[in-house]
Amino acid sequence: MSDNYYYYEPHSGHGLPHDPFKAIVGPRPIGWIASSSKEGVLNLAPYSFFNAFHASPPIIGFCSTTQKDTVSNLMQNGQFTWNLVTKDLAQAMNQTCAEVAPEINEFNLAGLTATPSLKIKVPRVGEAKVAFECLVTQIIQLQTSASQSIDSWLTLGEVIGVHISKDLLEDGIFNTAKAGIILRGGGPADYFNIGPEQLFRMSRPK
């Protein structure tokens, strides 16, 4: 074993102040997910394990450790919106992280506007520059390599409606740098944002 590498086996613990796995696989997009209970109580929560998985049809997914309010809501009605977190919304997003009772509406808690969607009943965040309207396609309880169930739930959803602020479209192309997107990092409070200084271009080989 090289002295230049720190080695650990996850089942025995990493032995470090903070889990490096979350820092290595990152920065990651934030799954800011709005959902609704069958009684109509709105929920808005950010998930750091989130990404896009397919382009046509577009499918996105997020994973929840424990069956939280969001997952319970989606099991009931199968609809959600994803809302883009930008730097100007970082504090509001952080407020929606709070552990509150299921009857608490995080839109109100964070001072955000619940704007009606066009194709589904669940609203989007009116202040978000981009929002997706989604229908659940799968909810999967994760398992270990030994087929042992984990109290963690992967939700996949098909995007059936897309809202984009027109000021982020330049010649019909979405300007990622201009949007001010923030991403979840690895430390306990680490986030990153994307700007023009991070941009470089590289074409695929022919």
Protein backbone atom coordinates (compact mmCIF):
# COMPACT_ATOMS: atom_id res chain seq x y z
CA MET A 1 0.00 0.00 0.00
CA SER A 2 1.45 3.36 -1.04
CA ASP A 3 2.05 5.88 1.73
CA ASN A 4 0.82 8.54 -0.69
CA TYR A 5 -2.79 7.32 -0.46
CA TYR A 6 -5.25 7.29 2.41
CA TYR A 7 -7.22 4.06 2.26
CA TYR A 8 -10.39 3.07 4.07
CA GLU A 9 -13.27 0.62 3.67
CA PRO A 10 -16.63 2.40 4.00
CA HIS A 11 -18.27 -0.34 6.06
CA SER A 12 -15.64 0.28 8.76
CA GLY A 13 -15.93 4.07 8.64
CA HIS A 14 -13.70 6.64 6.99
CA GLY A 15 -11.99 7.89 10.16
CA LEU A 16 -12.00 11.49 8.95
CA PRO A 17 -13.78 14.62 10.26
CA HIS A 18 -16.22 14.57 7.32
CA ASP A 19 -17.21 11.88 4.80
CA PRO A 20 -14.86 12.35 1.80
CA PHE A 21 -17.25 10.52 -0.54
CA LYS A 22 -19.54 13.54 -0.54
CA ALA A 23 -16.64 15.82 -1.41
CA ILE A 24 -15.17 13.61 -4.12
CA VAL A 25 -18.46 13.12 -5.98
CA GLY A 26 -19.07 16.82 -6.39
CA PRO A 27 -19.89 19.51 -6.64
CA ARG A 28 -23.40 18.26 -7.33
CA PRO A 29 -26.55 20.01 -8.59
CA ILE A 30 -29.18 20.63 -5.94
CA GLY A 31 -32.53 18.89 -6.15
CA TRP A 32 -34.88 21.60 -4.85
CA ILE A 33 -38.06 19.56 -4.89
CA ALA A 34 -41.59 20.83 -4.35
CA SER A 35 -44.35 18.35 -3.60
CA SER A 36 -47.80 18.21 -2.05
CA SER A 37 -49.53 15.87 0.38
CA LYS A 38 -52.92 14.36 -0.47
CA GLU A 39 -54.41 17.00 1.86
CA GLY A 40 -52.78 19.75 -0.23
CA VAL A 41 -50.01 20.73 2.22
CA LEU A 42 -47.01 21.95 0.22
CA ASN A 43 -43.47 20.80 0.90
CA LEU A 44 -40.23 22.24 -0.46
CA ALA A 45 -36.89 20.59 0.31
CA PRO A 46 -33.36 20.51 -1.16
CA TYR A 47 -31.56 17.24 -1.87
CA SER A 48 -27.80 17.11 -2.46
CA PHE A 49 -27.93 13.72 -4.22
CA PHE A 50 -29.58 14.82 -7.45
CA ASN A 51 -28.87 14.69 -11.17
CA ALA A 52 -30.17 14.18 -14.70
CA PHE A 53 -30.21 10.62 -16.02
CA HIS A 54 -31.74 10.73 -19.51
CA ALA A 55 -32.27 13.35 -22.20
CA SER A 56 -35.16 12.15 -24.34
CA PRO A 57 -37.49 11.89 -22.57
CA PRO A 58 -35.76 13.99 -19.92
CA ILE A 59 -35.55 12.10 -16.62
CA ILE A 60 -34.16 13.49 -13.40
CA GLY A 61 -33.69 11.84 -10.02
CA PHE A 62 -32.92 12.52 -6.39
CA CYS A 63 -32.25 10.34 -3.38
CA SER A 64 -33.67 10.81 0.10
CA THR A 65 -32.07 9.30 3.18
CA THR A 66 -35.12 8.01 5.08
CA GLN A 67 -38.64 8.25 3.71
CA LYS A 68 -39.09 11.97 4.31
CA ASP A 69 -42.17 14.10 3.61
CA THR A 70 -41.20 14.53 -0.04
CA VAL A 71 -41.02 10.80 -0.76
CA SER A 72 -44.26 10.16 1.13
CA ASN A 73 -45.97 12.87 -0.92
CA LEU A 74 -44.70 11.42 -4.18
CA MET A 75 -45.87 7.96 -3.25
CA GLN A 76 -49.33 9.48 -2.80
CA ASN A 77 -49.69 11.65 -5.90
CA GLY A 78 -46.69 11.09 -8.19
CA GLN A 79 -46.01 14.74 -9.05
CA PHE A 80 -43.24 17.19 -8.21
CA THR A 81 -41.39 20.24 -9.47
CA TRP A 82 -37.64 20.73 -9.53
CA ASN A 83 -36.49 24.31 -9.06
CA LEU A 84 -33.07 25.71 -9.96
CA VAL A 85 -31.10 27.08 -7.01
CA THR A 86 -29.11 30.19 -7.90
CA LYS A 87 -26.91 32.29 -5.63
CA ASP A 88 -29.64 34.85 -4.98
CA LEU A 89 -31.86 32.02 -3.66
CA ALA A 90 -29.17 30.30 -1.57
CA GLN A 91 -30.42 31.59 1.78
CA ALA A 92 -34.04 30.74 0.97
CA MET A 93 -32.99 27.25 -0.12
CA ASN A 94 -31.07 26.84 3.13
CA GLN A 95 -34.16 27.76 5.14
CA THR A 96 -36.06 24.94 3.47
CA CYS A 97 -33.47 22.51 4.93
CA ALA A 98 -35.00 23.01 8.38
CA GLU A 99 -36.46 19.96 10.10
CA VAL A 100 -40.06 21.05 10.59
CA ALA A 101 -43.40 19.31 11.09
CA PRO A 102 -45.15 17.91 7.97
CA GLU A 103 -47.90 20.53 8.21
CA ILE A 104 -45.38 23.39 7.82
CA ASN A 105 -45.32 24.94 4.34
CA GLU A 106 -41.67 25.63 3.46
CA PHE A 107 -42.69 28.09 0.73
CA ASN A 108 -44.09 30.32 3.47
CA LEU A 109 -41.22 29.53 5.82
CA ALA A 110 -38.67 30.79 3.28
CA GLY A 111 -40.78 33.66 1.92
CA LEU A 112 -41.11 32.11 -1.54
CA THR A 113 -43.94 32.27 -4.06
CA ALA A 114 -45.82 29.07 -4.89
CA THR A 115 -46.51 29.70 -8.58
CA PRO A 116 -49.00 27.38 -10.32
CA SER A 117 -47.61 24.85 -12.78
CA LEU A 118 -49.24 24.32 -16.16
CA LYS A 119 -49.36 20.52 -16.41
CA ILE A 120 -49.42 19.32 -12.79
CA LYS A 121 -51.04 20.38 -9.52
CA VAL A 122 -47.77 20.93 -7.61
CA PRO A 123 -46.53 24.54 -7.85
CA ARG A 124 -43.04 25.73 -8.72
CA VAL A 125 -40.88 28.30 -6.94
CA GLY A 126 -41.86 31.57 -8.59
CA GLU A 127 -38.46 33.14 -7.89
CA ALA A 128 -36.51 30.30 -9.55
CA LYS A 129 -35.04 31.07 -12.97
CA VAL A 130 -35.75 27.51 -14.15
CA ALA A 131 -38.31 24.94 -13.05
CA PHE A 132 -39.28 21.48 -14.27
CA GLU A 133 -42.74 19.96 -13.93
CA CYS A 134 -42.31 16.23 -13.34
CA LEU A 135 -44.24 12.98 -13.09
CA VAL A 136 -42.78 10.17 -11.02
CA THR A 137 -41.65 7.17 -13.06
CA GLN A 138 -40.00 5.07 -10.34
CA ILE A 139 -39.41 5.11 -6.59
CA ILE A 140 -36.71 2.61 -5.67
CA GLN A 141 -35.51 1.61 -2.23
CA LEU A 142 -31.73 1.23 -2.43
CA GLN A 143 -29.92 -1.98 -1.54
CA THR A 144 -26.39 -3.02 -0.67
CA SER A 145 -24.34 -5.46 -2.74
CA ALA A 146 -25.67 -8.14 -0.37
CA SER A 147 -29.27 -7.22 -1.30
CA GLN A 148 -29.87 -5.67 2.11
CA SER A 149 -32.43 -2.87 1.98
CA ILE A 150 -31.24 0.62 2.95
CA ASP A 151 -33.54 3.31 4.37
CA SER A 152 -32.80 5.48 1.34
CA TRP A 153 -35.13 6.15 -1.59
CA LEU A 154 -34.28 7.05 -5.19
CA THR A 155 -37.06 8.89 -7.02
CA LEU A 156 -36.95 9.23 -10.80
CA GLY A 157 -39.28 11.54 -12.68
CA GLU A 158 -40.00 12.45 -16.27
CA VAL A 159 -39.87 16.16 -17.04
CA ILE A 160 -43.09 17.08 -18.84
CA GLY A 161 -42.85 20.87 -18.63
CA VAL A 162 -39.91 23.30 -18.55
CA HIS A 163 -39.96 26.95 -17.44
CA ILE A 164 -36.87 29.05 -18.32
CA SER A 165 -36.44 32.76 -17.63
CA LYS A 166 -35.97 34.38 -21.06
CA ASP A 167 -33.04 36.48 -19.84
CA LEU A 168 -31.00 33.26 -19.58
CA LEU A 169 -31.53 32.35 -23.24
CA GLU A 170 -28.99 33.92 -25.61
CA ASP A 171 -29.54 33.09 -29.28
CA GLY A 172 -31.64 30.19 -28.06
CA ILE A 173 -28.86 28.74 -25.88
CA PHE A 174 -29.17 28.53 -22.08
CA ASN A 175 -26.39 30.57 -20.47
CA THR A 176 -25.24 28.41 -17.57
CA ALA A 177 -22.64 30.91 -16.34
CA LYS A 178 -25.06 33.83 -16.28
CA ALA A 179 -27.63 31.89 -14.26
CA GLY A 180 -25.50 31.90 -11.12
CA ILE A 181 -26.17 28.24 -10.38
CA ILE A 182 -24.91 26.94 -7.04
CA LEU A 183 -23.82 23.39 -6.38
CA ARG A 184 -23.42 21.32 -3.24
CA GLY A 185 -19.84 20.66 -2.20
CA GLY A 186 -18.33 18.16 0.17
CA GLY A 187 -17.79 19.84 3.53
CA PRO A 188 -20.52 20.33 6.12
CA ALA A 189 -21.37 23.77 4.71
CA ASP A 190 -19.61 23.87 1.33
CA TYR A 191 -21.27 25.19 -1.82
CA PHE A 192 -19.85 26.30 -5.15
CA ASN A 193 -21.18 28.57 -7.87
CA ILE A 194 -20.64 28.56 -11.62
CA GLY A 195 -19.45 31.68 -13.43
CA PRO A 196 -17.73 32.61 -16.72
CA GLU A 197 -14.30 31.95 -15.17
CA GLN A 198 -15.09 28.23 -14.95
CA LEU A 199 -15.99 27.94 -18.64
CA PHE A 200 -13.78 26.14 -21.12
CA ARG A 201 -14.72 24.45 -24.38
CA MET A 202 -13.65 21.10 -25.75
CA SER A 203 -15.22 19.48 -28.80
CA ARG A 204 -15.71 15.75 -29.08
CA PRO A 205 -13.29 13.93 -31.38
CA LYS A 206 -14.68 13.09 -34.81
